[in-house]
């Protein structure tokens, strides 16, 4: 999710209404279209591009993560079923979310790393983040994150397909849940335009917390067939993921003055990676 990510929408995607703009209500269907249209490559026609739809979209974001994570788990299971080992299945599992988002979250992670690592004032850091090229901080961060994700899922697949599949699902949910919480009221946009400005502060804090609680409970329930410890482990992995994303969010607010679309992408990848590592360490 970046400020320049393409969506399947016909309305003009220029500067969206600012966070202080009154939010018109949107139907759940509009929110779902916004969520899938902005967070995936699925052919979804986004009929509304305003803060009402953005609020609904960010509320539905964990569901998008479950779909993406489910696709990743299915692909990894297919590779295992065809005789591939845990490492090959893990590479496939990591590749699927990247493909389903056109790598936009990874791009946001790299751009944010370049901006934060530059040591420049906020205005210059934001300019670096917005540039299309990737610098050394971005390359190193991408390399380490993808290696960590692949290593963690490979270890989990080695313990059985179910553990790897559940990890992919939970990581997908955690990654998009981080977006829901980052879009809560009180979190400002770093720029007045772009996707970040459209979704920043769009979700009421109470709604964001409620969605978070439901998502954590759902992840715990998903792990429950493997036992009570697994259920608790999956819930704790999501909480750890959200804590890591919140630390990065605070750093971006302090360093950049708020969030951008690239920052949202970085939060998503940070949460996914943390969840996978937490599950592998268990």
C-alpha atoms as a PDB file:
ATOM      1  CA  UNK A   1       0.000   0.000   0.000  1.00  0.00           C
ATOM      2  CA  UNK A   2       1.752   3.121  -1.192  1.00  0.00           C
ATOM      3  CA  UNK A   3       0.782   6.591  -2.273  1.00  0.00           C
ATOM      4  CA  UNK A   4       1.161   5.536  -5.872  1.00  0.00           C
ATOM      5  CA  UNK A   5      -0.351   2.079  -5.771  1.00  0.00           C
ATOM      6  CA  UNK A   6      -2.656   1.271  -8.682  1.00  0.00           C
ATOM      7  CA  UNK A   7      -6.216   0.295  -7.921  1.00  0.00           C
ATOM      8  CA  UNK A   8      -9.056  -1.023  -9.999  1.00  0.00           C
ATOM      9  CA  UNK A   9     -11.112   2.097  -9.802  1.00  0.00           C
ATOM     10  CA  UNK A  10     -12.560   4.532 -12.251  1.00  0.00           C
ATOM     11  CA  UNK A  11     -12.818   7.674 -10.064  1.00  0.00           C
ATOM     12  CA  UNK A  12      -9.978  10.148 -10.034  1.00  0.00           C
ATOM     13  CA  UNK A  13      -7.457   9.131  -7.396  1.00  0.00           C
ATOM     14  CA  UNK A  14      -5.882  12.487  -6.888  1.00  0.00           C
ATOM     15  CA  UNK A  15      -5.587  14.139  -3.529  1.00  0.00           C
ATOM     16  CA  UNK A  16      -8.241  12.729  -1.255  1.00  0.00           C
ATOM     17  CA  UNK A  17     -10.141  14.708   1.336  1.00  0.00           C
ATOM     18  CA  UNK A  18      -8.009  15.600   4.318  1.00  0.00           C
ATOM     19  CA  UNK A  19      -8.319  13.917   7.703  1.00  0.00           C
ATOM     20  CA  UNK A  20     -10.310  16.828   9.051  1.00  0.00           C
ATOM     21  CA  UNK A  21     -13.016  16.446   6.427  1.00  0.00           C
ATOM     22  CA  UNK A  22     -16.408  15.193   7.603  1.00  0.00           C
ATOM     23  CA  UNK A  23     -16.771  11.514   6.774  1.00  0.00           C
ATOM     24  CA  UNK A  24     -19.867  10.484   4.853  1.00  0.00           C
ATOM     25  CA  UNK A  25     -21.178   7.027   5.643  1.00  0.00           C
ATOM     26  CA  UNK A  26     -20.445   4.213   3.213  1.00  0.00           C
ATOM     27  CA  UNK A  27     -22.046   0.814   2.801  1.00  0.00           C
ATOM     28  CA  UNK A  28     -20.158  -2.354   3.836  1.00  0.00           C
ATOM     29  CA  UNK A  29     -19.945  -3.245   0.153  1.00  0.00           C
ATOM     30  CA  UNK A  30     -18.211   0.051  -0.597  1.00  0.00           C
ATOM     31  CA  UNK A  31     -15.749  -0.644   2.197  1.00  0.00           C
ATOM     32  CA  UNK A  32     -15.046  -4.138   0.903  1.00  0.00           C
ATOM     33  CA  UNK A  33     -14.476  -2.842  -2.614  1.00  0.00           C
ATOM     34  CA  UNK A  34     -12.127  -0.194  -1.296  1.00  0.00           C
ATOM     35  CA  UNK A  35     -10.213  -2.758   0.773  1.00  0.00           C
ATOM     36  CA  UNK A  36      -9.749  -5.313  -1.994  1.00  0.00           C
ATOM     37  CA  UNK A  37      -9.280  -2.651  -4.664  1.00  0.00           C
ATOM     38  CA  UNK A  38      -6.468  -0.871  -2.834  1.00  0.00           C
ATOM     39  CA  UNK A  39      -4.804  -3.768  -1.017  1.00  0.00           C
ATOM     40  CA  UNK A  40      -4.821  -6.473  -3.712  1.00  0.00           C
ATOM     41  CA  UNK A  41      -4.640  -6.999  -7.458  1.00  0.00           C
ATOM     42  CA  UNK A  42      -8.097  -8.589  -7.514  1.00  0.00           C
ATOM     43  CA  UNK A  43     -10.307  -7.078 -10.174  1.00  0.00           C
ATOM     44  CA  UNK A  44     -12.599  -5.018  -7.987  1.00  0.00           C
ATOM     45  CA  UNK A  45     -14.393  -1.906  -9.165  1.00  0.00           C
ATOM     46  CA  UNK A  46     -14.006   0.751  -6.485  1.00  0.00           C
ATOM     47  CA  UNK A  47     -17.085   2.951  -6.825  1.00  0.00           C
ATOM     48  CA  UNK A  48     -16.227   5.388  -4.057  1.00  0.00           C
ATOM     49  CA  UNK A  49     -12.898   7.022  -3.332  1.00  0.00           C
ATOM     50  CA  UNK A  50     -13.590   9.069  -0.235  1.00  0.00           C
ATOM     51  CA  UNK A  51     -12.983   8.878   3.472  1.00  0.00           C
ATOM     52  CA  UNK A  52     -16.229   7.055   4.144  1.00  0.00           C
ATOM     53  CA  UNK A  53     -15.157   4.227   1.840  1.00  0.00           C
ATOM     54  CA  UNK A  54     -11.615   4.449   3.229  1.00  0.00           C
ATOM     55  CA  UNK A  55     -12.907   3.979   6.769  1.00  0.00           C
ATOM     56  CA  UNK A  56     -14.859   0.904   5.734  1.00  0.00           C
ATOM     57  CA  UNK A  57     -11.921  -0.383   3.727  1.00  0.00           C
ATOM     58  CA  UNK A  58      -9.530  -0.170   6.636  1.00  0.00           C
ATOM     59  CA  UNK A  59     -12.055  -1.880   8.916  1.00  0.00           C
ATOM     60  CA  UNK A  60     -12.288  -4.756   6.421  1.00  0.00           C
ATOM     61  CA  UNK A  61      -8.503  -4.902   5.901  1.00  0.00           C
ATOM     62  CA  UNK A  62      -7.916  -7.969   8.157  1.00  0.00           C
ATOM     63  CA  UNK A  63     -10.385  -9.935   6.020  1.00  0.00           C
ATOM     64  CA  UNK A  64      -8.300  -9.053   2.978  1.00  0.00           C
ATOM     65  CA  UNK A  65      -5.283 -10.335   4.880  1.00  0.00           C
ATOM     66  CA  UNK A  66      -7.052 -13.616   5.590  1.00  0.00           C
ATOM     67  CA  UNK A  67      -7.783 -14.079   1.883  1.00  0.00           C
ATOM     68  CA  UNK A  68      -4.202 -13.256   0.882  1.00  0.00           C
ATOM     69  CA  UNK A  69      -2.804 -15.469   3.629  1.00  0.00           C
ATOM     70  CA  UNK A  70      -5.130 -18.284   2.624  1.00  0.00           C
ATOM     71  CA  UNK A  71      -3.928 -18.081  -0.979  1.00  0.00           C
ATOM     72  CA  UNK A  72      -0.321 -18.153   0.230  1.00  0.00           C
ATOM     73  CA  UNK A  73      -1.009 -21.198   2.420  1.00  0.00           C
ATOM     74  CA  UNK A  74      -2.727 -23.009  -0.444  1.00  0.00           C
ATOM     75  CA  UNK A  75       0.209 -22.354  -2.758  1.00  0.00           C
ATOM     76  CA  UNK A  76       2.677 -23.593  -0.160  1.00  0.00           C
ATOM     77  CA  UNK A  77       0.583 -26.696   0.421  1.00  0.00           C
ATOM     78  CA  UNK A  78       0.484 -27.379  -3.312  1.00  0.00           C
ATOM     79  CA  UNK A  79       4.273 -27.247  -3.527  1.00  0.00           C
ATOM     80  CA  UNK A  80       4.575 -29.624  -0.578  1.00  0.00           C
ATOM     81  CA  UNK A  81       2.008 -31.950  -2.128  1.00  0.00           C
ATOM     82  CA  UNK A  82       3.973 -32.049  -5.377  1.00  0.00           C
ATOM     83  CA  UNK A  83       7.091 -33.148  -3.536  1.00  0.00           C
ATOM     84  CA  UNK A  84       8.756 -29.843  -2.844  1.00  0.00           C
ATOM     85  CA  UNK A  85      10.535 -29.372   0.442  1.00  0.00           C
ATOM     86  CA  UNK A  86       9.781 -26.870   3.215  1.00  0.00           C
ATOM     87  CA  UNK A  87      12.188 -24.273   1.811  1.00  0.00           C
ATOM     88  CA  UNK A  88      10.645 -24.270  -1.658  1.00  0.00           C
ATOM     89  CA  UNK A  89       7.170 -24.176  -0.132  1.00  0.00           C
ATOM     90  CA  UNK A  90       8.232 -21.239   2.040  1.00  0.00           C
ATOM     91  CA  UNK A  91       9.583 -19.297  -0.938  1.00  0.00           C
ATOM     92  CA  UNK A  92       6.285 -19.871  -2.729  1.00  0.00           C
ATOM     93  CA  UNK A  93       4.302 -18.792   0.318  1.00  0.00           C
ATOM     94  CA  UNK A  94       6.277 -15.562   0.617  1.00  0.00           C
ATOM     95  CA  UNK A  95       5.975 -14.883  -3.118  1.00  0.00           C
ATOM     96  CA  UNK A  96       2.173 -15.113  -3.229  1.00  0.00           C
ATOM     97  CA  UNK A  97       1.389 -12.055  -1.051  1.00  0.00           C
ATOM     98  CA  UNK A  98       3.980 -10.066  -2.987  1.00  0.00           C
ATOM     99  CA  UNK A  99       2.295 -11.052  -6.241  1.00  0.00           C
ATOM    100  CA  UNK A 100      -1.209 -10.367  -4.946  1.00  0.00           C
ATOM    101  CA  UNK A 101      -0.183  -6.835  -3.938  1.00  0.00           C
ATOM    102  CA  UNK A 102       2.166  -6.187  -6.892  1.00  0.00           C
ATOM    103  CA  UNK A 103       4.906  -5.869  -4.294  1.00  0.00           C
ATOM    104  CA  UNK A 104       3.495  -2.542  -3.138  1.00  0.00           C
ATOM    105  CA  UNK A 105       3.876  -3.235   0.571  1.00  0.00           C
ATOM    106  CA  UNK A 106       7.455  -4.350   0.041  1.00  0.00           C
ATOM    107  CA  UNK A 107       8.074  -1.223  -2.008  1.00  0.00           C
ATOM    108  CA  UNK A 108       6.634   0.873   0.803  1.00  0.00           C
ATOM    109  CA  UNK A 109       8.897  -0.896   3.283  1.00  0.00           C
ATOM    110  CA  UNK A 110      11.980  -0.171   1.181  1.00  0.00           C
ATOM    111  CA  UNK A 111      11.027   3.463   0.583  1.00  0.00           C
ATOM    112  CA  UNK A 112      10.293   4.030   4.266  1.00  0.00           C
ATOM    113  CA  UNK A 113      13.616   2.459   5.248  1.00  0.00           C
ATOM    114  CA  UNK A 114      15.420   4.795   2.858  1.00  0.00           C
ATOM    115  CA  UNK A 115      13.614   7.819   4.240  1.00  0.00           C
ATOM    116  CA  UNK A 116      14.103   6.968   7.899  1.00  0.00           C
ATOM    117  CA  UNK A 117      17.685   5.879   7.342  1.00  0.00           C
ATOM    118  CA  UNK A 118      18.656   9.006   5.469  1.00  0.00           C
ATOM    119  CA  UNK A 119      19.011  11.110   8.608  1.00  0.00           C
ATOM    120  CA  UNK A 120      17.544  14.058   6.694  1.00  0.00           C
ATOM    121  CA  UNK A 121      14.901  16.526   7.963  1.00  0.00           C
ATOM    122  CA  UNK A 122      11.277  15.459   7.595  1.00  0.00           C
ATOM    123  CA  UNK A 123      10.686  17.263   4.289  1.00  0.00           C
ATOM    124  CA  UNK A 124      13.766  15.702   2.697  1.00  0.00           C
ATOM    125  CA  UNK A 125      12.971  12.271   4.148  1.00  0.00           C
ATOM    126  CA  UNK A 126       9.461  12.450   2.671  1.00  0.00           C
ATOM    127  CA  UNK A 127      10.929  13.396  -0.694  1.00  0.00           C
ATOM    128  CA  UNK A 128      13.249  10.386  -0.542  1.00  0.00           C
ATOM    129  CA  UNK A 129      10.335   8.124   0.367  1.00  0.00           C
ATOM    130  CA  UNK A 130       8.315   9.374  -2.591  1.00  0.00           C
ATOM    131  CA  UNK A 131      11.101   8.721  -5.112  1.00  0.00           C
ATOM    132  CA  UNK A 132      10.678   5.601  -7.229  1.00  0.00           C
ATOM    133  CA  UNK A 133      14.241   4.310  -6.815  1.00  0.00           C
ATOM    134  CA  UNK A 134      15.450   2.199  -3.898  1.00  0.00           C
ATOM    135  CA  UNK A 135      18.581   3.070  -1.943  1.00  0.00           C
ATOM    136  CA  UNK A 136      20.924   0.958   0.204  1.00  0.00           C
ATOM    137  CA  UNK A 137      18.761   1.078   3.333  1.00  0.00           C
ATOM    138  CA  UNK A 138      15.794  -0.154   1.315  1.00  0.00           C
ATOM    139  CA  UNK A 139      17.741  -2.972  -0.334  1.00  0.00           C
ATOM    140  CA  UNK A 140      19.175  -4.216   2.957  1.00  0.00           C
ATOM    141  CA  UNK A 141      15.796  -4.031   4.683  1.00  0.00           C
ATOM    142  CA  UNK A 142      14.039  -5.924   1.886  1.00  0.00           C
ATOM    143  CA  UNK A 143      16.712  -8.605   1.857  1.00  0.00           C
ATOM    144  CA  UNK A 144      16.580  -9.182   5.604  1.00  0.00           C
ATOM    145  CA  UNK A 145      12.782  -9.130   5.779  1.00  0.00           C
ATOM    146  CA  UNK A 146      12.305 -11.602   2.931  1.00  0.00           C
ATOM    147  CA  UNK A 147      14.993 -13.881   4.347  1.00  0.00           C
ATOM    148  CA  UNK A 148      13.371 -13.758   7.778  1.00  0.00           C
ATOM    149  CA  UNK A 149       9.923 -14.521   6.383  1.00  0.00           C
ATOM    150  CA  UNK A 150      11.191 -17.412   4.274  1.00  0.00           C
ATOM    151  CA  UNK A 151      13.276 -18.899   7.086  1.00  0.00           C
ATOM    152  CA  UNK A 152      10.408 -18.706   9.572  1.00  0.00           C
ATOM    153  CA  UNK A 153       7.834 -20.297   7.275  1.00  0.00           C
ATOM    154  CA  UNK A 154      10.310 -22.983   6.178  1.00  0.00           C
ATOM    155  CA  UNK A 155      10.851 -23.946   9.802  1.00  0.00           C
ATOM    156  CA  UNK A 156       7.109 -24.100  10.389  1.00  0.00           C
ATOM    157  CA  UNK A 157       6.482 -26.183   7.257  1.00  0.00           C
ATOM    158  CA  UNK A 158       9.166 -28.586   8.468  1.00  0.00           C
ATOM    159  CA  UNK A 159       6.961 -29.170  11.520  1.00  0.00           C
ATOM    160  CA  UNK A 160       3.958 -29.910   9.289  1.00  0.00           C
ATOM    161  CA  UNK A 161       1.905 -28.243   6.572  1.00  0.00           C
ATOM    162  CA  UNK A 162      -0.792 -27.156   9.038  1.00  0.00           C
ATOM    163  CA  UNK A 163       1.645 -25.086  11.087  1.00  0.00           C
ATOM    164  CA  UNK A 164       3.064 -23.358   8.028  1.00  0.00           C
ATOM    165  CA  UNK A 165      -0.372 -22.757   6.552  1.00  0.00           C
ATOM    166  CA  UNK A 166      -1.735 -21.295   9.784  1.00  0.00           C
ATOM    167  CA  UNK A 167       1.328 -19.064  10.057  1.00  0.00           C
ATOM    168  CA  UNK A 168       0.743 -17.707   6.553  1.00  0.00           C
ATOM    169  CA  UNK A 169      -2.896 -17.036   7.406  1.00  0.00           C
ATOM    170  CA  UNK A 170      -2.125 -15.362  10.730  1.00  0.00           C
ATOM    171  CA  UNK A 171       0.654 -13.256   9.209  1.00  0.00           C
ATOM    172  CA  UNK A 172      -1.728 -12.048   6.509  1.00  0.00           C
ATOM    173  CA  UNK A 173      -4.317 -11.018   9.079  1.00  0.00           C
ATOM    174  CA  UNK A 174      -1.746  -9.347  11.342  1.00  0.00           C
ATOM    175  CA  UNK A 175      -0.252  -7.425   8.415  1.00  0.00           C
ATOM    176  CA  UNK A 176      -3.585  -5.854   7.447  1.00  0.00           C
ATOM    177  CA  UNK A 177      -4.754  -5.423  11.017  1.00  0.00           C
ATOM    178  CA  UNK A 178      -1.734  -3.171  11.492  1.00  0.00           C
ATOM    179  CA  UNK A 179      -3.201  -0.970   8.756  1.00  0.00           C
ATOM    180  CA  UNK A 180      -6.538  -0.768  10.550  1.00  0.00           C
ATOM    181  CA  UNK A 181      -4.892   0.397  13.750  1.00  0.00           C
ATOM    182  CA  UNK A 182      -2.599   2.835  11.937  1.00  0.00           C
ATOM    183  CA  UNK A 183      -5.643   4.421  10.268  1.00  0.00           C
ATOM    184  CA  UNK A 184      -7.252   5.219  13.616  1.00  0.00           C
ATOM    185  CA  UNK A 185      -8.237   8.721  14.611  1.00  0.00           C
ATOM    186  CA  UNK A 186      -5.396  10.746  16.050  1.00  0.00           C
ATOM    187  CA  UNK A 187      -2.783   9.455  13.591  1.00  0.00           C
ATOM    188  CA  UNK A 188      -2.070  12.294  11.129  1.00  0.00           C
ATOM    189  CA  UNK A 189      -1.015  12.157   7.507  1.00  0.00           C
ATOM    190  CA  UNK A 190       2.515  13.308   6.729  1.00  0.00           C
ATOM    191  CA  UNK A 191       1.381  14.784   3.411  1.00  0.00           C
ATOM    192  CA  UNK A 192      -1.905  16.414   2.394  1.00  0.00           C
ATOM    193  CA  UNK A 193      -2.339  14.195  -0.656  1.00  0.00           C
ATOM    194  CA  UNK A 194      -2.068  10.568  -1.687  1.00  0.00           C
ATOM    195  CA  UNK A 195      -3.570   7.379  -0.335  1.00  0.00           C
ATOM    196  CA  UNK A 196      -2.058   7.935   3.094  1.00  0.00           C
ATOM    197  CA  UNK A 197      -3.958  11.196   3.482  1.00  0.00           C
ATOM    198  CA  UNK A 198      -7.194   9.495   2.423  1.00  0.00           C
ATOM    199  CA  UNK A 199      -7.061   6.763   5.057  1.00  0.00           C
ATOM    200  CA  UNK A 200      -5.165   8.528   7.871  1.00  0.00           C
ATOM    201  CA  UNK A 201      -7.414   9.033  10.893  1.00  0.00           C
ATOM    202  CA  UNK A 202     -10.413   7.563   9.086  1.00  0.00           C
ATOM    203  CA  UNK A 203     -11.192   4.742  11.549  1.00  0.00           C
ATOM    204  CA  UNK A 204     -12.602   5.641  14.981  1.00  0.00           C
ATOM    205  CA  UNK A 205     -10.248   4.426  17.698  1.00  0.00           C
ATOM    206  CA  UNK A 206     -12.965   2.337  19.323  1.00  0.00           C
ATOM    207  CA  UNK A 207     -13.765   0.581  16.054  1.00  0.00           C
ATOM    208  CA  UNK A 208     -10.084  -0.100  15.424  1.00  0.00           C
ATOM    209  CA  UNK A 209      -9.701  -1.677  18.866  1.00  0.00           C
ATOM    210  CA  UNK A 210     -12.841  -3.775  18.375  1.00  0.00           C
ATOM    211  CA  UNK A 211     -11.612  -5.045  15.003  1.00  0.00           C
ATOM    212  CA  UNK A 212      -8.250  -5.808  16.589  1.00  0.00           C
ATOM    213  CA  UNK A 213      -9.825  -7.831  19.383  1.00  0.00           C
ATOM    214  CA  UNK A 214     -11.942  -9.820  16.922  1.00  0.00           C
ATOM    215  CA  UNK A 215      -8.942 -10.508  14.698  1.00  0.00           C
ATOM    216  CA  UNK A 216      -6.784 -11.687  17.596  1.00  0.00           C
ATOM    217  CA  UNK A 217      -9.592 -13.952  18.789  1.00  0.00           C
ATOM    218  CA  UNK A 218     -10.042 -15.354  15.278  1.00  0.00           C
ATOM    219  CA  UNK A 219      -6.330 -16.124  14.989  1.00  0.00           C
ATOM    220  CA  UNK A 220      -6.425 -17.866  18.357  1.00  0.00           C
ATOM    221  CA  UNK A 221      -9.414 -19.910  17.204  1.00  0.00           C
ATOM    222  CA  UNK A 222      -7.560 -20.832  14.000  1.00  0.00           C
ATOM    223  CA  UNK A 223      -4.703 -22.241  16.062  1.00  0.00           C
ATOM    224  CA  UNK A 224      -6.945 -24.066  18.541  1.00  0.00           C
ATOM    225  CA  UNK A 225      -7.119 -27.356  16.538  1.00  0.00           C
ATOM    226  CA  UNK A 226      -3.402 -27.725  17.290  1.00  0.00           C
ATOM    227  CA  UNK A 227      -4.033 -27.371  21.012  1.00  0.00           C
ATOM    228  CA  UNK A 228      -4.535 -24.748  23.694  1.00  0.00           C
ATOM    229  CA  UNK A 229      -0.898 -23.719  23.617  1.00  0.00           C
ATOM    230  CA  UNK A 230      -1.050 -23.174  19.863  1.00  0.00           C
ATOM    231  CA  UNK A 231      -4.156 -21.020  20.239  1.00  0.00           C
ATOM    232  CA  UNK A 232      -2.428 -18.806  22.787  1.00  0.00           C
ATOM    233  CA  UNK A 233       0.752 -18.771  20.703  1.00  0.00           C
ATOM    234  CA  UNK A 234      -1.077 -17.522  17.615  1.00  0.00           C
ATOM    235  CA  UNK A 235      -2.813 -14.791  19.603  1.00  0.00           C
ATOM    236  CA  UNK A 236       0.468 -13.686  21.143  1.00  0.00           C
ATOM    237  CA  UNK A 237       2.122 -13.673  17.710  1.00  0.00           C
ATOM    238  CA  UNK A 238      -0.493 -11.217  16.459  1.00  0.00           C
ATOM    239  CA  UNK A 239      -0.049  -9.024  19.530  1.00  0.00           C
ATOM    240  CA  UNK A 240       3.716  -9.043  19.024  1.00  0.00           C
ATOM    241  CA  UNK A 241       3.194  -8.087  15.388  1.00  0.00           C
ATOM    242  CA  UNK A 242       0.974  -5.176  16.353  1.00  0.00           C
ATOM    243  CA  UNK A 243       3.469  -4.025  18.974  1.00  0.00           C
ATOM    244  CA  UNK A 244       6.280  -3.989  16.390  1.00  0.00           C
ATOM    245  CA  UNK A 245       4.099  -2.096  13.919  1.00  0.00           C
ATOM    246  CA  UNK A 246       3.132   0.413  16.614  1.00  0.00           C
ATOM    247  CA  UNK A 247       6.800   1.068  17.398  1.00  0.00           C
ATOM    248  CA  UNK A 248       7.469   1.773  13.737  1.00  0.00           C
ATOM    249  CA  UNK A 249       4.356   3.941  13.547  1.00  0.00           C
ATOM    250  CA  UNK A 250       5.532   6.021  16.492  1.00  0.00           C
ATOM    251  CA  UNK A 251       8.933   6.411  14.869  1.00  0.00           C
ATOM    252  CA  UNK A 252       7.332   7.604  11.631  1.00  0.00           C
ATOM    253  CA  UNK A 253       5.073  10.053  13.439  1.00  0.00           C
ATOM    254  CA  UNK A 254       8.046  11.468  15.306  1.00  0.00           C
ATOM    255  CA  UNK A 255      10.379  11.505  12.314  1.00  0.00           C
ATOM    256  CA  UNK A 256       8.016  12.319   9.444  1.00  0.00           C
ATOM    257  CA  UNK A 257       5.094  13.978  11.186  1.00  0.00           C
ATOM    258  CA  UNK A 258       2.604  11.267  10.259  1.00  0.00           C
ATOM    259  CA  UNK A 259       1.890   8.442   7.850  1.00  0.00           C
ATOM    260  CA  UNK A 260       2.016   8.022   4.100  1.00  0.00           C
ATOM    261  CA  UNK A 261       0.974   5.195   1.833  1.00  0.00           C
ATOM    262  CA  UNK A 262       4.556   3.899   1.933  1.00  0.00           C
ATOM    263  CA  UNK A 263       4.522   3.929   5.714  1.00  0.00           C
ATOM    264  CA  UNK A 264       1.357   1.822   5.669  1.00  0.00           C
ATOM    265  CA  UNK A 265       3.175  -0.674   3.456  1.00  0.00           C
ATOM    266  CA  UNK A 266       6.117  -0.748   5.848  1.00  0.00           C
ATOM    267  CA  UNK A 267       3.784  -1.331   8.803  1.00  0.00           C
ATOM    268  CA  UNK A 268       2.153  -4.238   7.004  1.00  0.00           C
ATOM    269  CA  UNK A 269       5.437  -5.996   6.223  1.00  0.00           C
ATOM    270  CA  UNK A 270       6.781  -5.325   9.718  1.00  0.00           C
ATOM    271  CA  UNK A 271       3.716  -6.919  11.298  1.00  0.00           C
ATOM    272  CA  UNK A 272       3.789  -9.933   8.973  1.00  0.00           C
ATOM    273  CA  UNK A 273       7.475 -10.584   9.594  1.00  0.00           C
ATOM    274  CA  UNK A 274       7.133 -10.232  13.361  1.00  0.00           C
ATOM    275  CA  UNK A 275       4.177 -12.623  13.462  1.00  0.00           C
ATOM    276  CA  UNK A 276       6.074 -15.270  11.489  1.00  0.00           C
ATOM    277  CA  UNK A 277       9.181 -14.965  13.649  1.00  0.00           C
ATOM    278  CA  UNK A 278       7.098 -15.167  16.824  1.00  0.00           C
ATOM    279  CA  UNK A 279       5.421 -18.348  15.580  1.00  0.00           C
ATOM    280  CA  UNK A 280       8.709 -19.905  14.503  1.00  0.00           C
ATOM    281  CA  UNK A 281      10.365 -19.137  17.827  1.00  0.00           C
ATOM    282  CA  UNK A 282       7.593 -20.968  19.656  1.00  0.00           C
END
